[in-house]
Amino acid sequence: MQKITMPLLLAAVLFLSACSLSKISAGADSTPASCPLDLEAEADRLAQAQLRDKRFSGLVIGVQLADGSEHFFGYGRTSETNPEVPGADTVAAIGSLTKGLVGALTQSLIEDGTIHWDDRLVFPESVHPSESARQITLRELATHSSGLPRQPQTFEFF
């Protein structure tokens, strides 16, 4: 797996409200006929505006439509030294981009009773955490009091 050394913007673009829920029947590589937006043209417009100022080397725009079909559009390069165009499988350090989304989803799940702040983490069978890691709660994760490191120092865990 490739390591990313330069900033790479991962853009999540939501066009869902503009597309019909009932007539979408396209696969992952085509634009649904019932969607009034030309997804690729709109992605191109957004990407060019972002790449113009050269603050980062590349970006990926991902769109998931109401029918579950996924569309990915890559622009630029994965780094200043690698001309490969980023895509759906490009590994990127996305920093704080997901914090707001994860927080909103967590709160929604708590409000409907699916999860609780004091629930402990559940690990896949292939992961063997320490006993102290098994005691971490969602509240501790959300308040940054779990004792976990801020972030991994390398991408070697991918």
Protein backbone atom coordinates (compact mmCIF):
# COMPACT_ATOMS: atom_id res chain seq x y z
CA MET A 1 0.00 0.00 0.00
CA GLN A 2 1.33 3.41 -0.94
CA LYS A 3 2.27 5.95 1.73
CA ILE A 4 1.03 9.51 1.27
CA THR A 5 3.58 12.15 2.23
CA MET A 6 1.93 15.34 0.96
CA PRO A 7 -1.50 16.63 1.98
CA LEU A 8 -4.31 15.03 0.06
CA LEU A 9 -7.79 16.45 0.40
CA LEU A 10 -10.53 13.86 0.65
CA ALA A 11 -13.76 15.55 -0.36
CA ALA A 12 -17.13 14.05 0.39
CA VAL A 13 -19.70 15.67 -1.86
CA LEU A 14 -23.35 15.06 -1.12
CA PHE A 15 -25.70 15.37 -4.10
CA LEU A 16 -28.31 12.99 -2.67
CA SER A 17 -31.12 15.51 -2.26
CA ALA A 18 -30.91 16.51 -5.92
CA CYS A 19 -31.47 12.99 -7.25
CA SER A 20 -34.66 10.98 -7.40
CA LEU A 21 -34.86 8.08 -4.95
CA SER A 22 -37.28 6.01 -6.97
CA LYS A 23 -35.80 5.87 -10.48
CA ILE A 24 -32.09 5.44 -9.84
CA SER A 25 -30.85 2.29 -11.51
CA ALA A 26 -27.25 2.96 -12.51
CA GLY A 27 -24.11 1.08 -11.59
CA ALA A 28 -21.04 2.45 -9.88
CA ASP A 29 -19.52 3.84 -13.08
CA SER A 30 -22.40 5.77 -14.59
CA THR A 31 -24.57 8.74 -13.76
CA PRO A 32 -28.22 7.85 -13.16
CA ALA A 33 -30.59 9.22 -15.78
CA SER A 34 -32.95 10.49 -13.07
CA CYS A 35 -30.25 12.61 -11.44
CA PRO A 36 -30.47 16.18 -12.73
CA LEU A 37 -26.77 16.72 -12.05
CA ASP A 38 -24.01 15.54 -14.33
CA LEU A 39 -21.91 14.15 -11.47
CA GLU A 40 -18.64 14.10 -13.36
CA ALA A 41 -19.09 17.65 -14.66
CA GLU A 42 -20.00 18.90 -11.18
CA ALA A 43 -17.04 17.05 -9.64
CA ASP A 44 -14.75 18.54 -12.31
CA ARG A 45 -16.04 22.04 -11.53
CA LEU A 46 -15.49 21.62 -7.78
CA ALA A 47 -12.06 20.00 -8.19
CA GLN A 48 -10.69 22.62 -10.57
CA ALA A 49 -11.72 25.39 -8.19
CA GLN A 50 -9.87 23.63 -5.34
CA LEU A 51 -6.75 22.71 -7.33
CA ARG A 52 -6.34 26.20 -8.81
CA ASP A 53 -4.72 27.61 -5.65
CA LYS A 54 -2.26 24.65 -5.40
CA ARG A 55 -2.59 24.25 -1.60
CA PHE A 56 -2.56 20.48 -2.03
CA SER A 57 -1.44 18.03 -4.69
CA GLY A 58 -4.67 16.13 -5.34
CA LEU A 59 -8.15 15.27 -4.24
CA VAL A 60 -10.83 12.64 -4.52
CA ILE A 61 -14.51 13.43 -4.70
CA GLY A 62 -16.78 10.57 -3.66
CA VAL A 63 -20.53 10.50 -4.10
CA GLN A 64 -22.91 7.83 -2.85
CA LEU A 65 -26.39 8.09 -4.30
CA ALA A 66 -29.59 7.05 -2.57
CA ASP A 67 -29.57 3.71 -4.40
CA GLY A 68 -26.16 2.92 -2.90
CA SER A 69 -24.20 3.38 -6.13
CA GLU A 70 -20.81 4.98 -5.58
CA HIS A 71 -18.94 7.34 -7.89
CA PHE A 72 -15.32 8.44 -7.37
CA PHE A 73 -13.47 11.14 -9.28
CA GLY A 74 -9.71 11.66 -8.76
CA TYR A 75 -7.75 14.79 -9.62
CA GLY A 76 -4.14 15.91 -9.44
CA ARG A 77 -1.57 13.53 -8.02
CA THR A 78 -1.09 11.57 -4.80
CA SER A 79 1.98 13.65 -3.91
CA GLU A 80 4.37 16.15 -5.43
CA THR A 81 6.76 13.30 -6.24
CA ASN A 82 4.20 10.71 -7.37
CA PRO A 83 2.19 11.48 -10.52
CA GLU A 84 -0.40 8.77 -9.77
CA VAL A 85 -3.94 10.17 -9.78
CA PRO A 86 -5.64 9.54 -6.41
CA GLY A 87 -8.75 7.38 -6.39
CA ALA A 88 -11.19 5.47 -4.23
CA ASP A 89 -8.44 3.20 -2.84
CA THR A 90 -5.86 5.90 -2.11
CA VAL A 91 -4.80 5.96 1.55
CA ALA A 92 -4.89 9.47 2.94
CA ALA A 93 -4.46 11.11 6.33
CA ILE A 94 -7.74 12.98 6.66
CA GLY A 95 -7.04 14.63 9.99
CA SER A 96 -10.08 16.14 11.65
CA LEU A 97 -12.42 15.82 8.67
CA THR A 98 -14.45 13.00 10.19
CA LYS A 99 -14.82 14.31 13.76
CA GLY A 100 -18.00 16.30 13.14
CA LEU A 101 -19.67 13.51 11.18
CA VAL A 102 -18.76 10.84 13.73
CA GLY A 103 -19.96 13.08 16.56
CA ALA A 104 -23.31 13.73 14.89
CA LEU A 105 -23.82 10.03 14.08
CA THR A 106 -22.87 9.00 17.62
CA GLN A 107 -25.31 11.48 19.13
CA SER A 108 -28.08 10.28 16.81
CA LEU A 109 -27.47 6.64 17.79
CA ILE A 110 -27.44 7.58 21.46
CA GLU A 111 -30.68 9.54 21.15
CA ASP A 112 -32.48 6.59 19.55
CA GLY A 113 -31.12 4.17 22.19
CA THR A 114 -28.97 2.07 19.84
CA ILE A 115 -25.81 2.82 21.82
CA HIS A 116 -24.99 4.48 25.14
CA TRP A 117 -22.13 6.74 26.25
CA ASP A 118 -20.92 4.12 28.74
CA ASP A 119 -20.87 1.23 26.23
CA ARG A 120 -17.45 -0.40 25.94
CA LEU A 121 -15.72 -0.82 22.61
CA VAL A 122 -16.32 -4.02 20.67
CA PHE A 123 -13.38 -5.45 18.76
CA PRO A 124 -13.34 -7.83 15.77
CA GLU A 125 -12.23 -11.38 16.60
CA SER A 126 -8.96 -10.82 14.75
CA VAL A 127 -8.01 -7.97 17.14
CA HIS A 128 -6.63 -8.85 20.56
CA PRO A 129 -6.60 -5.64 22.62
CA SER A 130 -5.11 -5.29 26.07
CA GLU A 131 -7.40 -5.51 29.08
CA SER A 132 -7.22 -1.72 29.54
CA ALA A 133 -8.25 -1.20 25.91
CA ARG A 134 -11.29 -3.44 26.48
CA GLN A 135 -12.42 -1.03 29.21
CA ILE A 136 -12.54 2.06 26.93
CA THR A 137 -16.03 3.55 26.61
CA LEU A 138 -17.58 5.72 23.91
CA ARG A 139 -17.65 8.59 26.45
CA GLU A 140 -13.87 8.27 26.92
CA LEU A 141 -13.31 8.30 23.17
CA ALA A 142 -15.55 11.33 22.70
CA THR A 143 -13.88 13.28 25.52
CA HIS A 144 -10.33 12.25 24.55
CA SER A 145 -9.78 10.61 27.93
CA SER A 146 -9.27 7.01 26.80
CA GLY A 147 -5.48 7.12 27.03
CA LEU A 148 -5.06 6.26 23.35
CA PRO A 149 -2.31 8.11 21.46
CA ARG A 150 -3.35 11.13 19.41
CA GLN A 151 -2.55 9.39 16.12
CA PRO A 152 -0.21 6.72 14.75
CA GLN A 153 3.24 7.99 13.82
CA THR A 154 3.38 6.01 10.54
CA PHE A 155 1.04 4.52 7.96
CA GLU A 156 2.48 1.03 8.56
CA PHE A 157 -0.78 -0.16 10.12
CA PHE A 158 -2.41 -0.09 6.68
